[in-house]
Amino acid sequence: MTSEALNGERLLTLRHLTGLTQGELASRLGVSGGFLSHVTAGTKAFPTSLAQAASAEFRVPQAFFTVRTAPEDVGPVTFKKTSAARARDEKRVIALYGEASRLFRHVSASSSYRASGLPKVEPHEDPEVIAQTVRTLAGVLPGAPIKNVTRLAERLGVGVVHTLDPDGHSDNAHAGASRPSAVATRPLVALACALSGAEQRFTLAHELFHVMADQDLDRGLTLVRDPRELRAHRFAGALLLPRTAAERHISETLTLHGYLKVKAEFGLSVGAIIHRAHDLNLISDRRQKSLYIQWSSAGWRRGDEPVSVASERPLLLDQALRRVYGRNYLAKSSHDTGVPAQLISAWVEASSDMSQDAVAEVVELPRGRR
């Protein structure tokens, strides 16, 4: 590794991953803050000795510092987040997403899996129509529950990572992440923290919409009421609970506990189902307000709803890594991509105890198959 091959900008990525300030990072590496600033900006050469010291101190491969920004890595990362999200944690989530996205892109292409099969979405296209198109592409029967949203995304060539921040350094105010891009043919959607099964499914669907519909973003989406966020929310509801199914199960007189049966069958929270029912004009404004009051009074707003929805597990990233590098892929894949081995291990850990026969099925699906 030569000094010319090193990219000083990666020191900024390291800062964001570790949550350190410029001064704290400089102190850990035994250099001045001013010198580190110059190296990061590219106005001074990046000494190989500094890269070696950073590699040892923070357990990152030396290849971490040779990574260059690819076209797919340009553009804002979208978040499903709360108003309590902190800037430091947002930078960490963005940095983690960048590492995971680069890793998936590399192994997906190297394993010869097909590129994403997501549909092209026209501006202002109805989220209800888009949801039905995606369901059809994935072979889900009209009105039927989607048994596994993670597998649906993976079957369409989209990478999925659960618990993007394995160390839990972030504030759990960021739920999901994606980077919509017109040039990304192997996109990734990620969950930034641990979520319940119902929240997992809805958040992944939400981010899947951004990947398809918001490829022209020039800034991050920070407001919950942003029209693009509302469209992503509507798509997620339509994907998980299509109109025909909602009309079959929900009426103005359905009790709050009746919504639990819908949750059990379709795998989204009661809160999301109430919202969906109102969106479809199946319940009135007054009934929606009444149901939300009951929902909150029962303590369900805090995520303590009855009827658990099983958590899902990604398969595709682990499967692609094994296909490219074999069973003992951590060291080799880390060396090739520059992604820290401990991150790769954490991202695939959830699927490591799955049957070796389980596959993500990144192939053209027969019509009508679920």
Protein backbone atom coordinates (compact mmCIF):
# COMPACT_ATOMS: atom_id res chain seq x y z
CA MET A 1 0.00 0.00 0.00
CA THR A 2 1.49 3.34 -1.07
CA SER A 3 0.70 6.81 0.19
CA GLU A 4 -0.69 7.70 -3.26
CA ALA A 5 -3.31 4.95 -2.95
CA LEU A 6 -4.61 6.30 0.36
CA ASN A 7 -7.70 8.51 0.46
CA GLY A 8 -7.70 11.10 3.23
CA GLU A 9 -11.48 11.52 3.06
CA ARG A 10 -11.79 8.09 4.63
CA LEU A 11 -10.52 9.57 7.89
CA LEU A 12 -13.75 11.57 7.99
CA THR A 13 -15.72 8.35 7.47
CA LEU A 14 -13.74 6.81 10.34
CA ARG A 15 -14.65 9.78 12.54
CA HIS A 16 -18.32 9.35 11.75
CA LEU A 17 -18.21 5.61 12.39
CA THR A 18 -16.54 6.11 15.77
CA GLY A 19 -18.40 9.28 16.78
CA LEU A 20 -15.13 11.06 17.57
CA THR A 21 -14.33 14.72 17.06
CA GLN A 22 -11.37 15.78 14.93
CA GLY A 23 -9.34 16.47 18.05
CA GLU A 24 -10.23 13.15 19.67
CA LEU A 25 -9.28 11.19 16.56
CA ALA A 26 -6.01 13.09 16.23
CA SER A 27 -5.19 12.36 19.88
CA ARG A 28 -5.88 8.65 19.44
CA LEU A 29 -3.57 8.60 16.41
CA GLY A 30 -0.83 10.69 18.00
CA VAL A 31 -0.92 13.57 15.51
CA SER A 32 -2.06 17.18 15.68
CA GLY A 33 -5.59 18.16 14.79
CA GLY A 34 -4.28 20.55 12.15
CA PHE A 35 -2.24 17.87 10.42
CA LEU A 36 -5.19 15.46 10.45
CA SER A 37 -7.40 18.15 8.97
CA HIS A 38 -4.97 18.68 6.08
CA VAL A 39 -4.73 14.95 5.39
CA THR A 40 -8.52 14.61 5.43
CA ALA A 41 -8.87 17.52 3.01
CA GLY A 42 -6.18 16.13 0.72
CA THR A 43 -3.87 19.14 1.07
CA LYS A 44 -1.19 16.97 2.66
CA ALA A 45 -0.11 13.45 1.79
CA PHE A 46 -1.64 10.58 3.75
CA PRO A 47 1.35 8.81 5.35
CA THR A 48 1.22 5.01 5.27
CA SER A 49 2.34 5.04 8.90
CA LEU A 50 -0.83 6.98 9.84
CA ALA A 51 -3.04 4.51 7.95
CA GLN A 52 -1.31 1.62 9.71
CA ALA A 53 -1.79 3.27 13.11
CA ALA A 54 -5.48 3.96 12.42
CA SER A 55 -5.96 0.41 11.16
CA ALA A 56 -4.53 -1.04 14.37
CA GLU A 57 -6.24 1.41 16.71
CA PHE A 58 -9.75 1.05 15.29
CA ARG A 59 -9.69 -2.52 13.92
CA VAL A 60 -10.28 -1.54 10.32
CA PRO A 61 -8.45 -3.09 7.36
CA GLN A 62 -5.82 -0.92 5.70
CA ALA A 63 -7.91 -1.25 2.54
CA PHE A 64 -10.49 0.89 4.36
CA PHE A 65 -8.31 3.92 3.60
CA THR A 66 -8.00 3.20 -0.14
CA VAL A 67 -11.73 3.26 -0.89
CA ARG A 68 -12.82 5.88 -3.43
CA THR A 69 -16.29 7.34 -3.78
CA ALA A 70 -18.32 5.56 -6.48
CA PRO A 71 -21.24 7.14 -8.37
CA GLU A 72 -23.63 4.91 -6.38
CA ASP A 73 -22.31 6.46 -3.16
CA VAL A 74 -23.26 10.01 -4.15
CA GLY A 75 -26.50 11.53 -2.97
CA PRO A 76 -28.46 11.85 0.27
CA VAL A 77 -29.33 8.91 2.48
CA THR A 78 -33.00 8.89 3.41
CA PHE A 79 -34.11 8.08 6.93
CA LYS A 80 -37.25 7.03 8.69
CA LYS A 81 -36.44 8.82 11.93
CA THR A 82 -37.93 10.65 14.88
CA SER A 83 -37.59 14.32 15.81
CA ALA A 84 -35.17 13.27 18.58
CA ALA A 85 -32.52 12.12 16.07
CA ARG A 86 -29.10 13.64 16.76
CA ALA A 87 -26.70 14.92 14.09
CA ARG A 88 -23.82 12.77 15.39
CA ASP A 89 -25.90 9.62 15.14
CA GLU A 90 -27.17 10.60 11.71
CA LYS A 91 -23.58 10.84 10.47
CA ARG A 92 -22.81 7.43 11.96
CA VAL A 93 -25.84 5.85 10.28
CA ILE A 94 -24.85 7.40 6.93
CA ALA A 95 -21.29 6.09 7.30
CA LEU A 96 -22.51 2.62 8.26
CA TYR A 97 -24.94 2.61 5.36
CA GLY A 98 -22.12 3.52 2.97
CA GLU A 99 -20.03 0.57 4.13
CA ALA A 100 -22.92 -1.89 3.95
CA SER A 101 -24.03 -0.62 0.55
CA ARG A 102 -20.54 -0.96 -0.93
CA LEU A 103 -20.18 -4.46 0.49
CA PHE A 104 -23.51 -5.64 -0.91
CA ARG A 105 -22.86 -4.05 -4.29
CA HIS A 106 -19.50 -5.82 -4.57
CA VAL A 107 -20.63 -9.31 -3.57
CA SER A 108 -23.90 -9.12 -5.47
CA ALA A 109 -22.10 -8.29 -8.71
CA SER A 110 -19.23 -10.72 -8.05
CA SER A 111 -21.66 -13.56 -7.39
CA SER A 112 -23.38 -12.90 -10.73
CA TYR A 113 -26.76 -12.33 -9.12
CA ARG A 114 -29.09 -10.32 -11.27
CA ALA A 115 -29.44 -6.59 -10.71
CA SER A 116 -32.52 -5.14 -9.06
CA GLY A 117 -35.85 -6.04 -10.60
CA LEU A 118 -37.70 -3.10 -9.09
CA PRO A 119 -40.04 -1.28 -11.47
CA LYS A 120 -39.32 2.14 -12.90
CA VAL A 121 -41.59 4.65 -11.17
CA GLU A 122 -42.89 7.73 -12.94
CA PRO A 123 -43.16 11.06 -11.07
CA HIS A 124 -46.41 11.42 -9.16
CA GLU A 125 -47.42 7.81 -9.90
CA ASP A 126 -49.99 6.55 -7.40
CA PRO A 127 -48.31 4.61 -4.53
CA GLU A 128 -51.28 2.22 -4.58
CA VAL A 129 -50.50 1.28 -8.18
CA ILE A 130 -46.77 0.98 -7.48
CA ALA A 131 -47.46 -1.32 -4.54
CA GLN A 132 -49.60 -3.59 -6.67
CA THR A 133 -46.89 -3.69 -9.35
CA VAL A 134 -44.28 -4.74 -6.80
CA ARG A 135 -46.57 -7.40 -5.35
CA THR A 136 -47.15 -8.79 -8.84
CA LEU A 137 -43.42 -8.81 -9.67
CA ALA A 138 -42.75 -10.72 -6.44
CA GLY A 139 -45.44 -13.27 -7.24
CA VAL A 140 -47.75 -12.31 -4.37
CA LEU A 141 -51.40 -13.11 -5.05
CA PRO A 142 -53.86 -10.17 -5.04
CA GLY A 143 -55.09 -9.43 -1.54
CA ALA A 144 -52.82 -12.02 0.06
CA PRO A 145 -50.52 -11.26 3.02
CA ILE A 146 -46.82 -10.85 2.32
CA LYS A 147 -45.29 -13.52 4.51
CA ASN A 148 -41.79 -12.02 4.51
CA VAL A 149 -41.04 -8.47 3.34
CA THR A 150 -37.30 -9.01 3.64
CA ARG A 151 -37.46 -11.98 1.31
CA LEU A 152 -39.65 -10.06 -1.14
CA ALA A 153 -36.98 -7.34 -1.39
CA GLU A 154 -34.18 -9.88 -1.74
CA ARG A 155 -36.00 -11.82 -4.44
CA LEU A 156 -36.14 -8.58 -6.41
CA GLY A 157 -32.36 -8.16 -6.09
CA VAL A 158 -32.41 -5.61 -3.25
CA GLY A 159 -29.95 -6.11 -0.40
CA VAL A 160 -31.27 -5.94 3.16
CA VAL A 161 -29.37 -5.36 6.39
CA HIS A 162 -31.08 -5.51 9.77
CA THR A 163 -29.59 -3.64 12.74
CA LEU A 164 -27.21 -1.50 10.69
CA ASP A 165 -25.67 -0.16 13.90
CA PRO A 166 -24.63 -3.37 15.70
CA ASP A 167 -22.97 -1.54 18.61
CA GLY A 168 -26.07 0.46 19.44
CA HIS A 169 -24.16 3.74 19.50
CA SER A 170 -26.98 5.58 17.79
CA ASP A 171 -30.00 6.88 19.68
CA ASN A 172 -32.59 4.52 18.12
CA ALA A 173 -34.23 7.61 16.62
CA HIS A 174 -33.28 6.37 13.13
CA ALA A 175 -35.39 3.43 12.00
CA GLY A 176 -34.47 2.86 8.36
CA ALA A 177 -32.03 4.00 5.69
CA SER A 178 -31.65 3.91 1.91
CA ARG A 179 -29.86 5.91 -0.80
CA PRO A 180 -32.11 6.39 -3.84
CA SER A 181 -29.97 6.62 -6.98
CA ALA A 182 -30.64 6.43 -10.69
CA VAL A 183 -27.28 4.69 -11.22
CA ALA A 184 -27.63 2.10 -8.45
CA THR A 185 -28.59 -1.26 -9.93
CA ARG A 186 -27.96 -3.19 -6.72
CA PRO A 187 -29.59 -1.05 -4.00
CA LEU A 188 -29.62 -1.71 -0.29
CA VAL A 189 -32.27 -0.97 2.32
CA ALA A 190 -31.34 -1.11 5.98
CA LEU A 191 -32.80 -0.99 9.45
CA ALA A 192 -30.71 1.33 11.56
CA CYS A 193 -31.64 -0.21 14.91
CA ALA A 194 -33.54 -3.09 16.51
CA LEU A 195 -37.26 -2.97 15.73
CA SER A 196 -40.27 -5.15 16.37
CA GLY A 197 -41.37 -7.46 13.59
CA ALA A 198 -44.23 -5.20 12.49
CA GLU A 199 -41.96 -2.13 12.53
CA GLN A 200 -39.30 -4.00 10.54
CA ARG A 201 -41.73 -4.87 7.78
CA PHE A 202 -43.26 -1.40 7.49
CA THR A 203 -39.89 0.38 7.60
CA LEU A 204 -38.38 -1.85 4.90
CA ALA A 205 -41.41 -1.24 2.68
CA HIS A 206 -41.13 2.49 3.34
CA GLU A 207 -37.46 2.56 2.29
CA LEU A 208 -38.17 0.35 -0.72
CA PHE A 209 -40.45 3.08 -2.03
CA HIS A 210 -37.72 5.71 -1.66
CA VAL A 211 -35.34 3.52 -3.67
CA MET A 212 -37.84 3.36 -6.54
CA ALA A 213 -39.52 6.76 -6.46
CA ASP A 214 -37.07 9.30 -5.06
CA GLN A 215 -33.99 8.92 -7.25
CA ASP A 216 -33.92 12.66 -7.94
CA LEU A 217 -33.41 13.69 -4.32
CA ASP A 218 -30.89 16.47 -3.76
CA ARG A 219 -31.30 16.59 0.01
CA GLY A 220 -32.25 14.33 2.86
CA LEU A 221 -35.86 13.99 3.95
CA THR A 222 -36.06 15.44 7.44
CA LEU A 223 -39.75 16.25 7.92
CA VAL A 224 -42.29 13.55 8.75
CA ARG A 225 -44.94 15.48 6.81
CA ASP A 226 -42.76 15.85 3.72
CA PRO A 227 -44.91 14.80 0.70
CA ARG A 228 -42.30 12.17 -0.26
CA GLU A 229 -42.43 10.69 3.23
CA LEU A 230 -46.21 10.59 3.10
CA ARG A 231 -46.09 8.81 -0.28
CA ALA A 232 -43.60 6.26 1.10
CA HIS A 233 -45.92 5.74 4.07
CA ARG A 234 -48.89 5.17 1.77
CA PHE A 235 -46.91 2.72 -0.37
CA ALA A 236 -45.88 0.69 2.69
CA GLY A 237 -49.50 0.46 3.81
CA ALA A 238 -50.65 -0.53 0.32
CA LEU A 239 -47.91 -3.14 -0.07
CA LEU A 240 -48.66 -4.83 3.24
CA LEU A 241 -52.43 -4.34 3.34
CA PRO A 242 -53.86 -3.95 -0.19
CA ARG A 243 -57.18 -2.22 -0.68
CA THR A 244 -59.12 -5.40 -1.44
CA ALA A 245 -57.94 -7.01 1.81
CA ALA A 246 -58.59 -3.89 3.86
CA GLU A 247 -62.11 -3.59 2.49
CA ARG A 248 -62.74 -7.23 3.34
CA HIS A 249 -61.62 -6.93 6.97
CA ILE A 250 -62.23 -3.34 8.13
CA SER A 251 -65.40 -1.34 8.66
CA GLU A 252 -66.50 1.70 10.66
CA THR A 253 -67.71 -0.56 13.47
CA LEU A 254 -64.64 -2.80 13.78
CA THR A 255 -63.46 -2.69 17.40
CA LEU A 256 -59.90 -1.94 18.42
CA HIS A 257 -59.35 -5.60 19.33
CA GLY A 258 -60.73 -6.55 15.93
CA TYR A 259 -57.73 -4.75 14.44
CA LEU A 260 -55.48 -7.28 16.20
CA LYS A 261 -56.82 -10.02 13.90
CA VAL A 262 -55.82 -7.92 10.88
CA LYS A 263 -52.39 -7.38 12.44
CA ALA A 264 -51.95 -11.11 12.97
CA GLU A 265 -52.76 -11.88 9.33
CA PHE A 266 -51.00 -9.03 7.52
CA GLY A 267 -48.09 -8.23 9.86
CA LEU A 268 -48.33 -4.49 10.42
CA SER A 269 -49.06 -2.59 13.61
CA VAL A 270 -52.54 -1.64 14.76
CA GLY A 271 -51.51 2.01 14.55
CA ALA A 272 -50.53 1.56 10.89
CA ILE A 273 -53.74 -0.34 10.13
CA ILE A 274 -55.89 2.44 11.60
CA HIS A 275 -53.99 4.96 9.46
CA ARG A 276 -54.45 2.75 6.40
CA ALA A 277 -58.17 2.35 7.04
CA HIS A 278 -58.59 6.12 7.22
CA ASP A 279 -56.50 6.61 4.06
CA LEU A 280 -58.90 4.32 2.20
CA ASN A 281 -61.97 6.07 3.66
CA LEU A 282 -63.05 2.85 5.37
CA ILE A 283 -63.41 4.74 8.65
CA SER A 284 -64.41 8.34 9.35
CA ASP A 285 -62.27 11.06 10.91
CA ARG A 286 -64.26 10.66 14.10
CA ARG A 287 -63.73 6.89 14.21
CA GLN A 288 -60.03 7.24 13.53
CA LYS A 289 -59.70 9.71 16.41
CA SER A 290 -61.64 7.42 18.73
CA LEU A 291 -59.52 4.39 17.81
CA TYR A 292 -56.28 6.30 18.33
CA ILE A 293 -57.46 7.44 21.76
CA GLN A 294 -58.24 3.82 22.70
CA TRP A 295 -54.94 2.67 21.20
CA SER A 296 -53.00 5.23 23.23
CA SER A 297 -54.96 4.62 26.45
CA ALA A 298 -54.22 0.91 26.19
CA GLY A 299 -50.49 1.71 26.17
CA TRP A 300 -50.04 0.45 22.63
CA ARG A 301 -48.56 3.70 21.31
CA ARG A 302 -45.30 2.85 23.09
CA GLY A 303 -44.89 -0.26 20.95
CA ASP A 304 -46.50 -2.61 23.47
CA GLU A 305 -49.25 -3.85 21.19
CA PRO A 306 -50.55 -7.40 21.71
CA VAL A 307 -50.00 -10.01 18.98
CA SER A 308 -46.35 -10.29 18.11
CA VAL A 309 -45.20 -10.31 14.50
CA ALA A 310 -42.22 -12.57 13.89
CA SER A 311 -38.93 -10.83 13.18
CA GLU A 312 -37.47 -11.45 9.74
CA ARG A 313 -33.90 -12.34 8.80
CA PRO A 314 -31.97 -11.32 5.69
CA LEU A 315 -30.31 -14.08 3.66
CA LEU A 316 -28.99 -12.48 0.49
CA LEU A 317 -25.84 -10.75 1.80
CA ASP A 318 -24.63 -13.86 3.62
CA GLN A 319 -25.52 -16.03 0.64
CA ALA A 320 -23.60 -13.78 -1.79
CA LEU A 321 -20.56 -13.63 0.51
CA ARG A 322 -20.43 -17.42 0.69
CA ARG A 323 -20.81 -17.72 -3.05
CA VAL A 324 -17.89 -15.35 -3.71
CA TYR A 325 -15.51 -16.22 -0.85
CA GLY A 326 -16.62 -19.54 0.58
CA ARG A 327 -17.61 -20.30 4.16
CA ASN A 328 -14.70 -18.42 5.79
CA TYR A 329 -15.38 -15.16 4.05
CA LEU A 330 -14.78 -12.51 6.73
CA ALA A 331 -11.08 -11.78 6.27
CA LYS A 332 -11.14 -12.06 2.47
CA SER A 333 -14.20 -9.89 1.99
CA SER A 334 -12.92 -7.28 4.45
CA HIS A 335 -9.58 -7.11 2.63
CA ASP A 336 -11.25 -6.77 -0.78
CA THR A 337 -13.88 -4.17 0.15
CA GLY A 338 -12.24 -2.32 3.03
CA VAL A 339 -15.30 -2.93 5.21
CA PRO A 340 -14.33 -3.78 8.82
CA ALA A 341 -14.71 -7.51 9.47
CA GLN A 342 -16.62 -6.92 12.71
CA LEU A 343 -19.30 -5.03 10.79
CA ILE A 344 -19.62 -7.74 8.16
CA SER A 345 -19.89 -10.36 10.90
CA ALA A 346 -22.61 -8.41 12.70
CA TRP A 347 -24.64 -7.80 9.55
CA VAL A 348 -24.76 -11.47 8.60
CA GLU A 349 -24.92 -12.88 12.12
CA ALA A 350 -28.72 -13.02 12.14
CA SER A 351 -28.76 -15.44 9.23
CA SER A 352 -25.82 -17.59 10.34
CA ASP A 353 -28.02 -20.09 12.17
CA MET A 354 -30.43 -20.47 9.28
CA SER A 355 -30.47 -23.69 7.34
CA GLN A 356 -27.74 -23.89 4.74
CA ASP A 357 -30.49 -24.83 2.30
CA ALA A 358 -32.29 -21.52 2.81
CA VAL A 359 -31.83 -19.22 -0.15
CA ALA A 360 -32.83 -15.68 -1.03
CA GLU A 361 -34.03 -16.77 -4.49
CA VAL A 362 -32.52 -13.95 -6.53
CA VAL A 363 -34.03 -15.31 -9.73
CA GLU A 364 -36.94 -14.60 -12.01
CA LEU A 365 -40.03 -15.77 -10.13
CA PRO A 366 -42.85 -17.72 -11.70
CA ARG A 367 -46.05 -15.71 -11.79
CA GLY A 368 -48.41 -16.48 -8.98
CA ARG A 369 -45.76 -17.81 -6.64
CA ARG A 370 -45.65 -16.45 -3.13
